[in-house]
């Protein structure tokens, strides 16, 4: 039987930690909200979606269009 070696206790998955934090924020917002569901606008506000950020490069255009 081959058993994979365990990594040290200090290994962290940063993406998973961010996802867990965002889920927690949504649960807090849901518990404080009235009604059965969070509105899409409130979800965006909780997750800071659609907030203006630094402008990125313009999208590349297909020269054959």
N, C-alpha and C. Protein backbone atom coordinates (compact mmCIF):
# COMPACT_ATOMS: atom_id res chain seq x y z
N UNK A 1 0.85 -1.17 0.00
CA UNK A 1 0.00 0.00 0.00
C UNK A 1 0.89 1.23 0.00
N UNK A 2 0.61 2.16 -0.90
CA UNK A 2 1.39 3.39 -1.02
C UNK A 2 0.58 4.55 -0.45
N UNK A 3 1.15 5.26 0.50
CA UNK A 3 0.47 6.40 1.12
C UNK A 3 1.22 7.66 0.75
N UNK A 4 0.49 8.65 0.30
CA UNK A 4 1.10 9.93 -0.06
C UNK A 4 1.59 10.63 1.19
N UNK A 5 2.73 11.26 1.07
CA UNK A 5 3.29 12.00 2.20
C UNK A 5 2.45 13.25 2.47
N UNK A 6 2.23 13.55 3.71
CA UNK A 6 1.49 14.75 4.09
C UNK A 6 2.41 15.95 4.06
N UNK A 7 1.88 17.05 3.61
CA UNK A 7 2.66 18.29 3.62
C UNK A 7 2.65 18.87 5.01
N UNK A 8 3.54 19.81 5.23
CA UNK A 8 3.60 20.47 6.52
C UNK A 8 2.32 21.25 6.81
N UNK A 9 2.10 21.57 8.05
CA UNK A 9 0.88 22.26 8.48
C UNK A 9 0.83 23.70 7.99
N UNK A 10 1.92 24.22 7.46
CA UNK A 10 1.94 25.62 7.04
C UNK A 10 1.53 25.82 5.58
N UNK A 11 1.20 24.75 4.88
CA UNK A 11 0.79 24.88 3.49
C UNK A 11 -0.61 25.48 3.45
N UNK A 12 -0.78 26.51 2.63
CA UNK A 12 -2.08 27.19 2.52
C UNK A 12 -2.47 27.32 1.06
N UNK A 13 -3.73 27.11 0.81
CA UNK A 13 -4.28 27.34 -0.52
C UNK A 13 -4.92 28.71 -0.48
N UNK A 14 -4.24 29.70 -1.02
CA UNK A 14 -4.71 31.08 -0.91
C UNK A 14 -6.04 31.30 -1.63
N UNK A 15 -6.24 30.64 -2.74
CA UNK A 15 -7.50 30.78 -3.46
C UNK A 15 -8.64 30.22 -2.61
N UNK A 16 -8.43 29.07 -2.00
CA UNK A 16 -9.46 28.48 -1.15
C UNK A 16 -9.75 29.38 0.05
N UNK A 17 -8.74 29.98 0.63
CA UNK A 17 -8.96 30.87 1.77
C UNK A 17 -9.80 32.08 1.37
N UNK A 18 -9.56 32.64 0.19
CA UNK A 18 -10.36 33.77 -0.28
C UNK A 18 -11.80 33.33 -0.52
N UNK A 19 -11.98 32.16 -1.13
CA UNK A 19 -13.32 31.66 -1.38
C UNK A 19 -14.08 31.43 -0.07
N UNK A 20 -13.41 30.91 0.93
CA UNK A 20 -14.04 30.70 2.23
C UNK A 20 -14.44 32.03 2.85
N UNK A 21 -13.58 33.02 2.74
CA UNK A 21 -13.89 34.36 3.27
C UNK A 21 -15.11 34.96 2.57
N UNK A 22 -15.16 34.83 1.24
CA UNK A 22 -16.30 35.37 0.49
C UNK A 22 -17.59 34.64 0.85
N UNK A 23 -17.52 33.33 1.02
CA UNK A 23 -18.72 32.58 1.44
C UNK A 23 -19.18 33.04 2.82
N UNK A 24 -18.25 33.30 3.70
CA UNK A 24 -18.59 33.81 5.02
C UNK A 24 -19.28 35.16 4.95
N UNK A 25 -18.75 36.03 4.09
CA UNK A 25 -19.37 37.35 3.92
C UNK A 25 -20.80 37.22 3.39
N UNK A 26 -21.01 36.29 2.45
CA UNK A 26 -22.36 36.07 1.93
C UNK A 26 -23.29 35.51 3.01
N UNK A 27 -22.78 34.61 3.85
CA UNK A 27 -23.62 34.06 4.93
C UNK A 27 -24.01 35.14 5.93
N UNK A 28 -23.08 36.02 6.25
CA UNK A 28 -23.38 37.11 7.18
C UNK A 28 -24.44 38.03 6.58
N UNK A 29 -24.27 38.37 5.30
CA UNK A 29 -25.25 39.24 4.63
C UNK A 29 -26.62 38.56 4.56
N UNK A 30 -26.63 37.26 4.28
CA UNK A 30 -27.90 36.54 4.18
C UNK A 30 -28.60 36.47 5.53
N UNK A 31 -27.85 36.31 6.60
CA UNK A 31 -28.47 36.21 7.92
C UNK A 31 -29.02 37.57 8.38
N UNK A 32 -28.45 38.65 7.86
CA UNK A 32 -28.92 39.98 8.25
C UNK A 32 -30.01 40.51 7.31
N UNK A 33 -30.20 39.88 6.17
CA UNK A 33 -31.15 40.38 5.17
C UNK A 33 -32.57 39.95 5.52
N UNK A 34 -33.49 40.78 5.09
CA UNK A 34 -34.90 40.42 5.23
C UNK A 34 -35.32 39.69 3.96
N UNK A 35 -36.21 38.76 4.09
CA UNK A 35 -36.67 38.02 2.93
C UNK A 35 -35.93 36.71 2.77
N UNK A 36 -36.30 36.00 1.71
CA UNK A 36 -35.74 34.67 1.49
C UNK A 36 -34.43 34.67 0.72
N UNK A 37 -34.19 35.71 -0.07
CA UNK A 37 -33.02 35.72 -0.95
C UNK A 37 -32.32 37.06 -0.92
N UNK A 38 -31.03 37.02 -1.26
CA UNK A 38 -30.28 38.26 -1.45
C UNK A 38 -30.49 38.71 -2.89
N UNK A 39 -30.65 40.00 -3.07
CA UNK A 39 -30.79 40.52 -4.43
C UNK A 39 -29.44 40.45 -5.13
N UNK A 40 -29.44 40.35 -6.45
CA UNK A 40 -28.17 40.35 -7.17
C UNK A 40 -27.31 41.59 -6.88
N UNK A 41 -27.97 42.74 -6.71
CA UNK A 41 -27.22 43.96 -6.40
C UNK A 41 -26.53 43.86 -5.04
N UNK A 42 -27.22 43.28 -4.06
CA UNK A 42 -26.63 43.14 -2.73
C UNK A 42 -25.49 42.13 -2.76
N UNK A 43 -25.64 41.06 -3.50
CA UNK A 43 -24.56 40.07 -3.64
C UNK A 43 -23.33 40.73 -4.25
N UNK A 44 -23.54 41.52 -5.31
CA UNK A 44 -22.42 42.24 -5.93
C UNK A 44 -21.76 43.19 -4.95
N UNK A 45 -22.57 43.86 -4.14
CA UNK A 45 -22.02 44.79 -3.15
C UNK A 45 -21.19 44.04 -2.10
N UNK A 46 -21.70 42.92 -1.61
CA UNK A 46 -20.98 42.15 -0.59
C UNK A 46 -19.65 41.62 -1.15
N UNK A 47 -19.68 41.17 -2.40
CA UNK A 47 -18.49 40.58 -3.01
C UNK A 47 -17.60 41.60 -3.72
N UNK A 48 -17.99 42.88 -3.67
CA UNK A 48 -17.24 43.95 -4.35
C UNK A 48 -17.09 43.66 -5.84
N UNK A 49 -18.17 43.19 -6.45
CA UNK A 49 -18.18 42.91 -7.88
C UNK A 49 -18.64 44.15 -8.62
N UNK A 50 -18.02 44.41 -9.74
CA UNK A 50 -18.43 45.55 -10.55
C UNK A 50 -17.91 46.87 -10.06
N UNK A 51 -17.03 46.84 -9.07
CA UNK A 51 -16.44 48.08 -8.59
C UNK A 51 -15.39 48.54 -9.59
N UNK A 52 -15.31 49.82 -9.85
CA UNK A 52 -14.31 50.29 -10.81
C UNK A 52 -12.90 49.99 -10.32
N UNK A 53 -12.09 49.54 -11.22
CA UNK A 53 -10.70 49.24 -10.91
C UNK A 53 -9.81 49.91 -11.91
N UNK A 54 -8.53 49.63 -11.84
CA UNK A 54 -7.62 50.24 -12.81
C UNK A 54 -7.96 49.72 -14.21
N UNK A 55 -7.91 50.60 -15.20
CA UNK A 55 -8.24 50.15 -16.55
C UNK A 55 -7.20 49.18 -17.07
N UNK A 56 -7.68 48.17 -17.75
CA UNK A 56 -6.78 47.19 -18.35
C UNK A 56 -6.53 47.54 -19.80
N UNK A 57 -5.73 46.73 -20.46
CA UNK A 57 -5.48 47.00 -21.88
C UNK A 57 -6.75 46.75 -22.68
N UNK A 58 -6.93 47.44 -23.79
CA UNK A 58 -8.12 47.21 -24.61
C UNK A 58 -8.10 45.80 -25.18
N UNK A 59 -9.27 45.21 -25.40
CA UNK A 59 -9.29 43.86 -25.96
C UNK A 59 -8.73 43.86 -27.37
N UNK A 60 -8.07 42.76 -27.72
CA UNK A 60 -7.50 42.64 -29.06
C UNK A 60 -8.61 42.39 -30.06
N UNK A 61 -8.48 43.00 -31.21
CA UNK A 61 -9.48 42.81 -32.25
C UNK A 61 -8.97 41.81 -33.27
N UNK A 62 -9.89 41.05 -33.81
CA UNK A 62 -9.57 40.11 -34.85
C UNK A 62 -9.41 40.89 -36.16
N UNK A 63 -8.28 40.83 -36.83
CA UNK A 63 -8.07 41.63 -38.04
C UNK A 63 -8.98 41.20 -39.20
N UNK A 64 -9.59 40.01 -39.10
CA UNK A 64 -10.46 39.53 -40.17
C UNK A 64 -11.91 39.92 -39.97
N UNK A 65 -12.22 40.63 -38.91
CA UNK A 65 -13.61 41.09 -38.68
C UNK A 65 -13.93 42.30 -39.50
